[in-house]
């Protein structure tokens, strides 16, 4: 299980949201990172909460605008959950 799998799942969800007009699309990319100093390398952690960003627009200055998603990885069970909005 990896962050790449989570990002792929959120990309699919965000594209569905764009197709349903829940968010403005198209979805350009999705990136996720641990919240509050968490780490995906902490071997003692049972879970890791991720904040994810679905970019839907490239701004003139090169930054991106978009929408927040979240995910929680359960390392012990090798599963993850994810959804729309900030964690």
PDB file of N, CA and C in Angstrom:
ATOM      1  N   UNK A   1       0.859  -1.173   0.000  1.00  0.00           N
ATOM      2  CA  UNK A   1       0.000   0.000   0.000  1.00  0.00           C
ATOM      3  C   UNK A   1       0.900   1.228   0.000  1.00  0.00           C
ATOM      4  N   UNK A   2       0.500   2.231  -0.768  1.00  0.00           N
ATOM      5  CA  UNK A   2       1.342   3.417  -0.846  1.00  0.00           C
ATOM      6  C   UNK A   2       0.499   4.676  -1.033  1.00  0.00           C
ATOM      7  N   UNK A   3       1.160   5.800  -0.872  1.00  0.00           N
ATOM      8  CA  UNK A   3       0.517   7.089  -1.083  1.00  0.00           C
ATOM      9  C   UNK A   3       0.001   7.179  -2.524  1.00  0.00           C
ATOM     10  N   UNK A   4       0.726   6.587  -3.454  1.00  0.00           N
ATOM     11  CA  UNK A   4       0.316   6.609  -4.856  1.00  0.00           C
ATOM     12  C   UNK A   4      -1.063   5.992  -5.051  1.00  0.00           C
ATOM     13  N   UNK A   5      -1.350   4.906  -4.334  1.00  0.00           N
ATOM     14  CA  UNK A   5      -2.673   4.278  -4.422  1.00  0.00           C
ATOM     15  C   UNK A   5      -3.748   5.214  -3.890  1.00  0.00           C
ATOM     16  N   UNK A   6      -3.473   5.878  -2.786  1.00  0.00           N
ATOM     17  CA  UNK A   6      -4.426   6.823  -2.203  1.00  0.00           C
ATOM     18  C   UNK A   6      -4.667   7.967  -3.176  1.00  0.00           C
ATOM     19  N   UNK A   7      -3.601   8.522  -3.734  1.00  0.00           N
ATOM     20  CA  UNK A   7      -3.740   9.628  -4.679  1.00  0.00           C
ATOM     21  C   UNK A   7      -4.554   9.211  -5.902  1.00  0.00           C
ATOM     22  N   UNK A   8      -4.360   8.001  -6.368  1.00  0.00           N
ATOM     23  CA  UNK A   8      -5.118   7.492  -7.512  1.00  0.00           C
ATOM     24  C   UNK A   8      -6.610   7.378  -7.171  1.00  0.00           C
ATOM     25  N   UNK A   9      -6.915   6.874  -5.978  1.00  0.00           N
ATOM     26  CA  UNK A   9      -8.312   6.758  -5.554  1.00  0.00           C
ATOM     27  C   UNK A   9      -8.970   8.127  -5.422  1.00  0.00           C
ATOM     28  N   UNK A  10      -8.233   9.086  -4.871  1.00  0.00           N
ATOM     29  CA  UNK A  10      -8.782  10.430  -4.722  1.00  0.00           C
ATOM     30  C   UNK A  10      -8.937  11.101  -6.079  1.00  0.00           C
ATOM     31  N   UNK A  11      -8.019  10.848  -6.988  1.00  0.00           N
ATOM     32  CA  UNK A  11      -8.145  11.385  -8.354  1.00  0.00           C
ATOM     33  C   UNK A  11      -9.441  10.889  -8.988  1.00  0.00           C
ATOM     34  N   UNK A  12      -9.716   9.618  -8.836  1.00  0.00           N
ATOM     35  CA  UNK A  12     -10.942   9.036  -9.387  1.00  0.00           C
ATOM     36  C   UNK A  12     -12.180   9.688  -8.749  1.00  0.00           C
ATOM     37  N   UNK A  13     -12.152   9.864  -7.420  1.00  0.00           N
ATOM     38  CA  UNK A  13     -13.269  10.506  -6.727  1.00  0.00           C
ATOM     39  C   UNK A  13     -13.430  11.949  -7.197  1.00  0.00           C
ATOM     40  N   UNK A  14     -12.333  12.691  -7.275  1.00  0.00           N
ATOM     41  CA  UNK A  14     -12.382  14.096  -7.677  1.00  0.00           C
ATOM     42  C   UNK A  14     -12.886  14.237  -9.117  1.00  0.00           C
ATOM     43  N   UNK A  15     -12.461  13.352 -10.002  1.00  0.00           N
ATOM     44  CA  UNK A  15     -12.959  13.391 -11.379  1.00  0.00           C
ATOM     45  C   UNK A  15     -14.461  13.139 -11.410  1.00  0.00           C
ATOM     46  N   UNK A  16     -14.946  12.228 -10.574  1.00  0.00           N
ATOM     47  CA  UNK A  16     -16.381  11.994 -10.457  1.00  0.00           C
ATOM     48  C   UNK A  16     -17.096  13.223  -9.930  1.00  0.00           C
ATOM     49  N   UNK A  17     -16.477  13.886  -8.949  1.00  0.00           N
ATOM     50  CA  UNK A  17     -17.055  15.121  -8.415  1.00  0.00           C
ATOM     51  C   UNK A  17     -17.104  16.207  -9.499  1.00  0.00           C
ATOM     52  N   UNK A  18     -16.065  16.301 -10.309  1.00  0.00           N
ATOM     53  CA  UNK A  18     -16.044  17.286 -11.392  1.00  0.00           C
ATOM     54  C   UNK A  18     -17.109  16.955 -12.436  1.00  0.00           C
ATOM     55  N   UNK A  19     -17.250  15.694 -12.767  1.00  0.00           N
ATOM     56  CA  UNK A  19     -18.256  15.278 -13.749  1.00  0.00           C
ATOM     57  C   UNK A  19     -19.676  15.522 -13.243  1.00  0.00           C
ATOM     58  N   UNK A  20     -19.859  15.504 -11.930  1.00  0.00           N
ATOM     59  CA  UNK A  20     -21.169  15.735 -11.320  1.00  0.00           C
ATOM     60  C   UNK A  20     -21.371  17.196 -10.919  1.00  0.00           C
ATOM     61  N   UNK A  21     -20.418  18.054 -11.260  1.00  0.00           N
ATOM     62  CA  UNK A  21     -20.457  19.493 -10.942  1.00  0.00           C
ATOM     63  C   UNK A  21     -20.425  19.781  -9.443  1.00  0.00           C
ATOM     64  N   UNK A  22     -19.895  18.853  -8.646  1.00  0.00           N
ATOM     65  CA  UNK A  22     -19.694  19.104  -7.215  1.00  0.00           C
ATOM     66  C   UNK A  22     -18.503  20.043  -7.036  1.00  0.00           C
ATOM     67  N   UNK A  23     -17.486  19.859  -7.883  1.00  0.00           N
ATOM     68  CA  UNK A  23     -16.341  20.766  -7.923  1.00  0.00           C
ATOM     69  C   UNK A  23     -16.144  21.204  -9.365  1.00  0.00           C
ATOM     70  N   UNK A  24     -15.417  22.299  -9.553  1.00  0.00           N
ATOM     71  CA  UNK A  24     -15.064  22.738 -10.898  1.00  0.00           C
ATOM     72  C   UNK A  24     -13.895  21.899 -11.377  1.00  0.00           C
ATOM     73  N   UNK A  25     -13.951  21.415 -12.585  1.00  0.00           N
ATOM     74  CA  UNK A  25     -12.878  20.606 -13.142  1.00  0.00           C
ATOM     75  C   UNK A  25     -12.229  21.335 -14.297  1.00  0.00           C
ATOM     76  N   UNK A  26     -11.346  20.703 -14.989  1.00  0.00           N
ATOM     77  CA  UNK A  26     -10.923  19.312 -14.814  1.00  0.00           C
ATOM     78  C   UNK A  26      -9.905  19.172 -13.681  1.00  0.00           C
ATOM     79  N   UNK A  27      -9.734  17.953 -13.216  1.00  0.00           N
ATOM     80  CA  UNK A  27      -8.744  17.666 -12.182  1.00  0.00           C
ATOM     81  C   UNK A  27      -7.404  17.445 -12.882  1.00  0.00           C
ATOM     82  N   UNK A  28      -6.412  18.257 -12.521  1.00  0.00           N
ATOM     83  CA  UNK A  28      -5.096  18.202 -13.151  1.00  0.00           C
ATOM     84  C   UNK A  28      -4.194  17.186 -12.455  1.00  0.00           C
ATOM     85  N   UNK A  29      -4.207  17.225 -11.116  1.00  0.00           N
ATOM     86  CA  UNK A  29      -3.348  16.328 -10.348  1.00  0.00           C
ATOM     87  C   UNK A  29      -3.859  16.233  -8.921  1.00  0.00           C
ATOM     88  N   UNK A  30      -3.376  15.211  -8.214  1.00  0.00           N
ATOM     89  CA  UNK A  30      -3.677  15.034  -6.786  1.00  0.00           C
ATOM     90  C   UNK A  30      -2.368  14.744  -6.074  1.00  0.00           C
ATOM     91  N   UNK A  31      -2.177  15.415  -4.936  1.00  0.00           N
ATOM     92  CA  UNK A  31      -1.007  15.125  -4.107  1.00  0.00           C
ATOM     93  C   UNK A  31      -1.450  15.045  -2.651  1.00  0.00           C
ATOM     94  N   UNK A  32      -0.833  14.143  -1.899  1.00  0.00           N
ATOM     95  CA  UNK A  32      -1.172  13.937  -0.494  1.00  0.00           C
ATOM     96  C   UNK A  32       0.084  14.004   0.362  1.00  0.00           C
ATOM     97  N   UNK A  33      -0.081  14.516   1.580  1.00  0.00           N
ATOM     98  CA  UNK A  33       1.032  14.535   2.530  1.00  0.00           C
ATOM     99  C   UNK A  33       0.487  14.358   3.942  1.00  0.00           C
ATOM    100  N   UNK A  34       1.303  13.799   4.841  1.00  0.00           N
ATOM    101  CA  UNK A  34       0.876  13.580   6.230  1.00  0.00           C
ATOM    102  C   UNK A  34       0.516  14.894   6.923  1.00  0.00           C
ATOM    103  N   UNK A  35      -0.454  14.832   7.798  1.00  0.00           N
ATOM    104  CA  UNK A  35      -0.943  15.997   8.540  1.00  0.00           C
ATOM    105  C   UNK A  35      -0.238  16.085   9.886  1.00  0.00           C
ATOM    106  N   UNK A  36      -0.041  17.306  10.358  1.00  0.00           N
ATOM    107  CA  UNK A  36       0.470  17.587  11.706  1.00  0.00           C
ATOM    108  C   UNK A  36       1.777  16.884  12.023  1.00  0.00           C
ATOM    109  N   UNK A  37       2.691  16.931  11.100  1.00  0.00           N
ATOM    110  CA  UNK A  37       4.001  16.358  11.363  1.00  0.00           C
ATOM    111  C   UNK A  37       4.039  14.841  11.329  1.00  0.00           C
ATOM    112  N   UNK A  38       2.963  14.226  10.907  1.00  0.00           N
ATOM    113  CA  UNK A  38       2.939  12.767  10.795  1.00  0.00           C
ATOM    114  C   UNK A  38       3.914  12.299   9.734  1.00  0.00           C
ATOM    115  N   UNK A  39       4.133  11.012   9.684  1.00  0.00           N
ATOM    116  CA  UNK A  39       5.094  10.461   8.742  1.00  0.00           C
ATOM    117  C   UNK A  39       4.595   9.130   8.211  1.00  0.00           C
ATOM    118  N   UNK A  40       4.855   8.863   6.956  1.00  0.00           N
ATOM    119  CA  UNK A  40       4.544   7.547   6.404  1.00  0.00           C
ATOM    120  C   UNK A  40       5.687   6.579   6.666  1.00  0.00           C
ATOM    121  N   UNK A  41       6.785   7.072   7.244  1.00  0.00           N
ATOM    122  CA  UNK A  41       7.939   6.234   7.553  1.00  0.00           C
ATOM    123  C   UNK A  41       7.989   5.806   9.013  1.00  0.00           C
ATOM    124  N   UNK A  42       7.030   6.257   9.827  1.00  0.00           N
ATOM    125  CA  UNK A  42       6.990   5.908  11.253  1.00  0.00           C
ATOM    126  C   UNK A  42       6.462   4.485  11.392  1.00  0.00           C
ATOM    127  N   UNK A  43       7.348   3.556  11.654  1.00  0.00           N
ATOM    128  CA  UNK A  43       6.986   2.140  11.709  1.00  0.00           C
ATOM    129  C   UNK A  43       6.145   1.786  12.931  1.00  0.00           C
ATOM    130  N   UNK A  44       6.053   2.674  13.923  1.00  0.00           N
ATOM    131  CA  UNK A  44       5.255   2.411  15.112  1.00  0.00           C
ATOM    132  C   UNK A  44       3.821   2.927  14.983  1.00  0.00           C
ATOM    133  N   UNK A  45       3.575   3.779  14.015  1.00  0.00           N
ATOM    134  CA  UNK A  45       2.248   4.361  13.841  1.00  0.00           C
ATOM    135  C   UNK A  45       1.279   3.328  13.274  1.00  0.00           C
ATOM    136  N   UNK A  46       0.083   3.249  13.856  1.00  0.00           N
ATOM    137  CA  UNK A  46      -0.948   2.345  13.338  1.00  0.00           C
ATOM    138  C   UNK A  46      -1.688   2.988  12.182  1.00  0.00           C
ATOM    139  N   UNK A  47      -1.815   4.330  12.222  1.00  0.00           N
ATOM    140  CA  UNK A  47      -2.495   5.049  11.156  1.00  0.00           C
ATOM    141  C   UNK A  47      -1.722   6.328  10.815  1.00  0.00           C
ATOM    142  N   UNK A  48      -1.981   6.820   9.628  1.00  0.00           N
ATOM    143  CA  UNK A  48      -1.447   8.106   9.198  1.00  0.00           C
ATOM    144  C   UNK A  48      -2.578   8.870   8.530  1.00  0.00           C
ATOM    145  N   UNK A  49      -2.807  10.105   8.979  1.00  0.00           N
ATOM    146  CA  UNK A  49      -3.819  10.965   8.371  1.00  0.00           C
ATOM    147  C   UNK A  49      -3.129  11.806   7.307  1.00  0.00           C
ATOM    148  N   UNK A  50      -3.744  11.862   6.131  1.00  0.00           N
ATOM    149  CA  UNK A  50      -3.182  12.605   5.010  1.00  0.00           C
ATOM    150  C   UNK A  50      -4.111  13.735   4.588  1.00  0.00           C
ATOM    151  N   UNK A  51      -3.524  14.873   4.275  1.00  0.00           N
ATOM    152  CA  UNK A  51      -4.267  15.952   3.645  1.00  0.00           C
ATOM    153  C   UNK A  51      -3.910  15.897   2.166  1.00  0.00           C
ATOM    154  N   UNK A  52      -4.932  15.910   1.334  1.00  0.00           N
ATOM    155  CA  UNK A  52      -4.704  15.787  -0.103  1.00  0.00           C
ATOM    156  C   UNK A  52      -5.261  17.005  -0.825  1.00  0.00           C
ATOM    157  N   UNK A  53      -4.668  17.328  -1.947  1.00  0.00           N
ATOM    158  CA  UNK A  53      -5.060  18.499  -2.725  1.00  0.00           C
ATOM    159  C   UNK A  53      -5.283  18.074  -4.168  1.00  0.00           C
ATOM    160  N   UNK A  54      -6.491  18.316  -4.651  1.00  0.00           N
ATOM    161  CA  UNK A  54      -6.833  18.040  -6.045  1.00  0.00           C
ATOM    162  C   UNK A  54      -6.765  19.363  -6.798  1.00  0.00           C
ATOM    163  N   UNK A  55      -5.747  19.529  -7.610  1.00  0.00           N
ATOM    164  CA  UNK A  55      -5.556  20.766  -8.367  1.00  0.00           C
ATOM    165  C   UNK A  55      -6.480  20.764  -9.582  1.00  0.00           C
ATOM    166  N   UNK A  56      -7.154  21.897  -9.775  1.00  0.00           N
ATOM    167  CA  UNK A  56      -8.063  22.017 -10.920  1.00  0.00           C
ATOM    168  C   UNK A  56      -7.734  23.220 -11.803  1.00  0.00           C
ATOM    169  N   UNK A  57      -6.782  24.028 -11.374  1.00  0.00           N
ATOM    170  CA  UNK A  57      -6.441  25.219 -12.142  1.00  0.00           C
ATOM    171  C   UNK A  57      -4.996  25.626 -11.870  1.00  0.00           C
ATOM    172  N   UNK A  58      -4.285  25.989 -12.934  1.00  0.00           N
ATOM    173  CA  UNK A  58      -2.938  26.544 -12.791  1.00  0.00           C
ATOM    174  C   UNK A  58      -3.065  28.063 -12.890  1.00  0.00           C
ATOM    175  N   UNK A  59      -2.624  28.752 -11.850  1.00  0.00           N
ATOM    176  CA  UNK A  59      -2.698  30.207 -11.791  1.00  0.00           C
ATOM    177  C   UNK A  59      -1.574  30.845 -12.605  1.00  0.00           C
ATOM    178  N   UNK A  60      -1.729  32.123 -12.980  1.00  0.00           N
ATOM    179  CA  UNK A  60      -0.690  32.806 -13.773  1.00  0.00           C
ATOM    180  C   UNK A  60       0.700  32.785 -13.125  1.00  0.00           C
ATOM    181  N   UNK A  61       0.763  32.751 -11.792  1.00  0.00           N
ATOM    182  CA  UNK A  61       2.063  32.744 -11.112  1.00  0.00           C
ATOM    183  C   UNK A  61       2.643  31.335 -10.946  1.00  0.00           C
ATOM    184  N   UNK A  62       1.959  30.323 -11.504  1.00  0.00           N
ATOM    185  CA  UNK A  62       2.460  28.952 -11.448  1.00  0.00           C
ATOM    186  C   UNK A  62       1.900  28.136 -10.295  1.00  0.00           C
ATOM    187  N   UNK A  63       1.272  28.792  -9.323  1.00  0.00           N
ATOM    188  CA  UNK A  63       0.644  28.047  -8.230  1.00  0.00           C
ATOM    189  C   UNK A  63      -0.630  27.373  -8.756  1.00  0.00           C
ATOM    190  N   UNK A  64      -1.210  26.516  -7.946  1.00  0.00           N
ATOM    191  CA  UNK A  64      -2.411  25.808  -8.366  1.00  0.00           C
ATOM    192  C   UNK A  64      -3.554  26.050  -7.392  1.00  0.00           C
ATOM    193  N   UNK A  65      -4.753  26.074  -7.906  1.00  0.00           N
ATOM    194  CA  UNK A  65      -5.965  26.178  -7.101  1.00  0.00           C
ATOM    195  C   UNK A  65      -6.716  24.865  -7.217  1.00  0.00           C
ATOM    196  N   UNK A  66      -7.520  24.569  -6.201  1.00  0.00           N
ATOM    197  CA  UNK A  66      -8.276  23.328  -6.257  1.00  0.00           C
ATOM    198  C   UNK A  66      -9.014  23.062  -4.968  1.00  0.00           C
ATOM    199  N   UNK A  67      -9.123  21.800  -4.608  1.00  0.00           N
ATOM    200  CA  UNK A  67      -9.967  21.359  -3.510  1.00  0.00           C
ATOM    201  C   UNK A  67      -9.223  20.405  -2.590  1.00  0.00           C
ATOM    202  N   UNK A  68      -9.590  20.463  -1.304  1.00  0.00           N
ATOM    203  CA  UNK A  68      -8.974  19.582  -0.317  1.00  0.00           C
ATOM    204  C   UNK A  68      -9.753  18.278  -0.195  1.00  0.00           C
ATOM    205  N   UNK A  69      -9.007  17.217  -0.054  1.00  0.00           N
ATOM    206  CA  UNK A  69      -9.531  15.885   0.249  1.00  0.00           C
ATOM    207  C   UNK A  69      -8.710  15.366   1.423  1.00  0.00           C
ATOM    208  N   UNK A  70      -9.089  14.235   1.967  1.00  0.00           N
ATOM    209  CA  UNK A  70      -8.344  13.660   3.087  1.00  0.00           C
ATOM    210  C   UNK A  70      -8.348  12.140   2.976  1.00  0.00           C
ATOM    211  N   UNK A  71      -7.416  11.529   3.683  1.00  0.00           N
ATOM    212  CA  UNK A  71      -7.344  10.070   3.729  1.00  0.00           C
ATOM    213  C   UNK A  71      -6.723   9.643   5.052  1.00  0.00           C
ATOM    214  N   UNK A  72      -7.074   8.466   5.495  1.00  0.00           N
ATOM    215  CA  UNK A  72      -6.449   7.854   6.659  1.00  0.00           C
ATOM    216  C   UNK A  72      -5.974   6.463   6.259  1.00  0.00           C
ATOM    217  N   UNK A  73      -4.684   6.242   6.420  1.00  0.00           N
ATOM    218  CA  UNK A  73      -4.100   4.937   6.104  1.00  0.00           C
ATOM    219  C   UNK A  73      -3.983   4.140   7.393  1.00  0.00           C
ATOM    220  N   UNK A  74      -4.468   2.914   7.380  1.00  0.00           N
ATOM    221  CA  UNK A  74      -4.347   1.996   8.506  1.00  0.00           C
ATOM    222  C   UNK A  74      -3.288   0.968   8.122  1.00  0.00           C
ATOM    223  N   UNK A  75      -2.106   1.126   8.703  1.00  0.00           N
ATOM    224  CA  UNK A  75      -0.966   0.281   8.331  1.00  0.00           C
ATOM    225  C   UNK A  75      -1.146  -1.156   8.799  1.00  0.00           C
ATOM    226  N   UNK A  76      -1.775  -1.338   9.960  1.00  0.00           N
ATOM    227  CA  UNK A  76      -1.957  -2.683  10.507  1.00  0.00           C
ATOM    228  C   UNK A  76      -2.892  -3.515   9.634  1.00  0.00           C
ATOM    229  N   UNK A  77      -3.985  -2.901   9.185  1.00  0.00           N
ATOM    230  CA  UNK A  77      -4.964  -3.615   8.364  1.00  0.00           C
ATOM    231  C   UNK A  77      -4.694  -3.487   6.869  1.00  0.00           C
ATOM    232  N   UNK A  78      -3.719  -2.651   6.506  1.00  0.00           N
ATOM    233  CA  UNK A  78      -3.368  -2.397   5.112  1.00  0.00           C
ATOM    234  C   UNK A  78      -4.578  -1.925   4.314  1.00  0.00           C
ATOM    235  N   UNK A  79      -5.296  -0.942   4.886  1.00  0.00           N
ATOM    236  CA  UNK A  79      -6.463  -0.353   4.239  1.00  0.00           C
ATOM    237  C   UNK A  79      -6.368   1.163   4.348  1.00  0.00           C
ATOM    238  N   UNK A  80      -7.223   1.842   3.600  1.00  0.00           N
ATOM    239  CA  UNK A  80      -7.318   3.291   3.729  1.00  0.00           C
ATOM    240  C   UNK A  80      -8.737   3.727   3.419  1.00  0.00           C
ATOM    241  N   UNK A  81      -9.100   4.864   4.010  1.00  0.00           N
ATOM    242  CA  UNK A  81     -10.369   5.510   3.738  1.00  0.00           C
ATOM    243  C   UNK A  81     -10.061   6.919   3.275  1.00  0.00           C
ATOM    244  N   UNK A  82     -10.977   7.502   2.525  1.00  0.00           N
ATOM    245  CA  UNK A  82     -10.736   8.834   2.005  1.00  0.00           C
ATOM    246  C   UNK A  82     -12.050   9.533   1.723  1.00  0.00           C
ATOM    247  N   UNK A  83     -11.988  10.874   1.611  1.00  0.00           N
ATOM    248  CA  UNK A  83     -13.199  11.629   1.363  1.00  0.00           C
ATOM    249  C   UNK A  83     -12.904  13.060   0.981  1.00  0.00           C
ATOM    250  N   UNK A  84     -13.971  13.812   0.744  1.00  0.00           N
ATOM    251  CA  UNK A  84     -13.904  15.200   0.313  1.00  0.00           C
ATOM    252  C   UNK A  84     -13.773  16.111   1.525  1.00  0.00           C
ATOM    253  N   UNK A  85     -12.949  17.133   1.424  1.00  0.00           N
ATOM    254  CA  UNK A  85     -12.783  18.104   2.491  1.00  0.00           C
ATOM    255  C   UNK A  85     -11.509  17.885   3.284  1.00  0.00           C
ATOM    256  N   UNK A  86     -11.235  18.845   4.157  1.00  0.00           N
ATOM    257  CA  UNK A  86     -10.036  18.783   4.991  1.00  0.00           C
ATOM    258  C   UNK A  86     -10.200  17.714   6.072  1.00  0.00           C
ATOM    259  N   UNK A  87      -9.082  17.150   6.536  1.00  0.00           N
ATOM    260  CA  UNK A  87      -9.172  16.120   7.596  1.00  0.00           C
ATOM    261  C   UNK A  87      -9.667  16.679   8.907  1.00  0.00           C
TER     262      UNK A  87
END
